[in-house]
Protein backbone atom coordinates (compact mmCIF):
# COMPACT_ATOMS: atom_id res chain seq x y z
CA MET A 1 16.82 -4.94 5.15
CA THR A 2 14.28 -7.69 4.71
CA THR A 3 10.99 -7.45 3.21
CA PRO A 4 7.89 -9.27 4.49
CA ASP A 5 6.69 -12.32 2.55
CA THR A 6 3.13 -11.22 2.30
CA PRO A 7 1.33 -13.10 -0.40
CA SER A 8 0.17 -10.68 -3.12
CA THR A 9 -3.07 -12.52 -3.91
CA PRO A 10 -5.35 -10.08 -5.74
CA SER A 11 -9.01 -10.29 -5.06
CA SER A 12 -11.04 -12.31 -7.57
CA THR A 13 -11.89 -9.10 -9.57
CA ALA A 14 -8.42 -7.58 -9.39
CA ALA A 15 -6.36 -7.98 -12.49
CA LEU A 16 -3.65 -5.40 -11.73
CA ALA A 17 -1.41 -5.07 -8.78
CA SER A 18 1.35 -2.72 -7.61
CA ARG A 19 3.90 -2.75 -4.88
CA ALA A 20 6.24 -0.10 -3.35
CA ASP A 21 8.95 -1.13 -0.87
CA VAL A 22 9.80 2.13 1.07
CA PRO A 23 12.99 1.92 3.18
CA THR A 24 12.62 3.69 6.54
CA ASP A 25 14.03 3.15 10.01
CA VAL A 26 10.57 3.52 11.43
CA PRO A 27 8.07 1.61 9.34
CA GLY A 28 5.67 0.97 12.18
CA ARG A 29 5.41 4.58 12.89
CA TYR A 30 4.62 5.55 9.30
CA ALA A 31 2.15 2.58 8.95
CA LYS A 32 0.29 3.71 12.06
CA GLN A 33 0.11 7.29 10.76
CA LEU A 34 -0.95 6.25 7.24
CA VAL A 35 -3.67 3.91 8.60
CA SER A 36 -4.84 6.52 11.00
CA HIS A 37 -5.15 9.24 8.36
CA LEU A 38 -6.70 7.03 5.63
CA GLY A 39 -8.82 5.21 8.13
CA ARG A 40 -10.94 8.35 8.48
CA LYS A 41 -12.51 7.57 5.03
CA VAL A 42 -12.12 3.76 4.81
CA GLU A 43 -11.93 0.94 7.20
CA PHE A 44 -8.66 -0.93 7.68
CA VAL A 45 -8.52 -4.44 9.07
CA GLU A 46 -5.35 -5.34 10.98
CA ASP A 47 -3.69 -8.69 10.80
CA ARG A 48 -0.23 -9.22 12.42
CA GLY A 49 1.65 -6.12 11.20
CA SER A 50 -0.44 -5.67 8.04
CA TRP A 51 -3.42 -3.52 7.36
CA THR A 52 -5.89 -3.98 4.50
CA ALA A 53 -8.77 -2.00 3.15
CA ASP A 54 -11.31 -2.61 0.39
CA VAL A 55 -12.19 0.50 -1.50
CA ASN A 56 -14.94 0.00 -4.08
CA GLY A 57 -13.47 -3.37 -5.13
CA SER A 58 -9.83 -2.09 -5.03
CA VAL A 59 -7.54 -3.26 -2.21
CA ALA A 60 -4.90 -1.31 -0.34
CA ARG A 61 -2.40 -3.19 1.89
CA ILE A 62 0.14 -1.60 4.24
CA THR A 63 2.72 -3.94 5.82
CA VAL A 64 5.57 -3.29 8.28
CA GLY A 65 8.81 -5.06 7.52
CA ASP A 66 12.31 -4.94 9.01
CA GLY A 67 13.51 -1.49 7.81
CA VAL A 68 10.86 -1.18 5.16
CA LEU A 69 7.26 -0.17 4.81
CA VAL A 70 5.47 -2.21 1.99
CA LEU A 71 2.57 -0.65 0.21
CA GLU A 72 0.42 -2.82 -2.15
CA ALA A 73 -2.49 -1.85 -4.32
CA GLU A 74 -4.82 -4.13 -6.34
CA ALA A 75 -7.53 -3.15 -8.80
CA SER A 76 -9.41 -4.38 -11.78
CA ASP A 77 -8.46 -1.37 -14.03
CA THR A 78 -5.50 1.03 -14.49
CA GLU A 79 -7.47 4.04 -13.40
CA SER A 80 -8.52 2.57 -10.09
CA LEU A 81 -4.96 1.17 -9.54
CA ALA A 82 -3.54 4.71 -10.17
CA ARG A 83 -6.01 6.29 -7.69
CA MET A 84 -5.02 3.73 -4.98
CA GLU A 85 -1.27 4.20 -5.63
CA HIS A 86 -1.73 8.00 -5.41
CA ALA A 87 -3.72 7.88 -2.11
CA LEU A 88 -1.23 5.61 -0.39
CA GLY A 89 1.97 7.06 -1.95
CA SER A 90 1.21 10.85 -1.75
CA HIS A 91 0.19 10.65 1.91
CA LEU A 92 3.21 8.58 2.87
CA GLU A 93 5.60 10.93 1.02
CA ARG A 94 4.01 14.01 2.72
CA PHE A 95 4.35 12.35 6.18
CA GLY A 96 7.86 11.38 5.49
CA GLN A 97 9.01 14.57 3.72
CA ARG A 98 11.51 15.37 6.55
CA ASN A 99 13.15 11.90 6.04
CA GLU A 100 12.87 12.24 2.18
CA LEU A 101 10.66 9.09 1.82
CA ARG A 102 9.90 8.26 -1.79
CA VAL A 103 7.39 5.79 -3.09
CA ALA A 104 8.28 4.01 -6.31
CA TRP A 105 5.55 1.67 -7.49
CA GLN A 106 6.24 -1.59 -9.49
CA ARG A 107 3.23 -2.75 -11.29
CA SER A 108 2.34 -6.41 -12.17
CA GLY A 109 -0.63 -8.21 -13.67
CA THR A 110 -2.58 -7.76 -16.75
CA ALA A 111 -5.08 -5.28 -17.91
CA PRO A 112 -8.64 -6.57 -18.18
CA ALA A 113 -9.90 -7.69 -21.58
């Protein structure tokens, strides 16, 4: 399984970032389902197998890899980051319940001063 080399460049106000690599045989299907569902409330922009949304200064990114769906979240504070992780992760786990998909976030960055 390979993961896409998508640069994790947080927006200028984002100090915190989080990433979850979710192994699945059908990452494209889950990405489409997640973007379609969340896209009812926020606008996602597609760019070559990756979808990005800006939500009140926080960023959500969904990327299709070879055998993996990559979820990324960026925010300026821990509360906003946690909300973004929850929105992406809980929906994906619900959609992938039959295949026992689990989202495990790995955080990086520093808390704002």
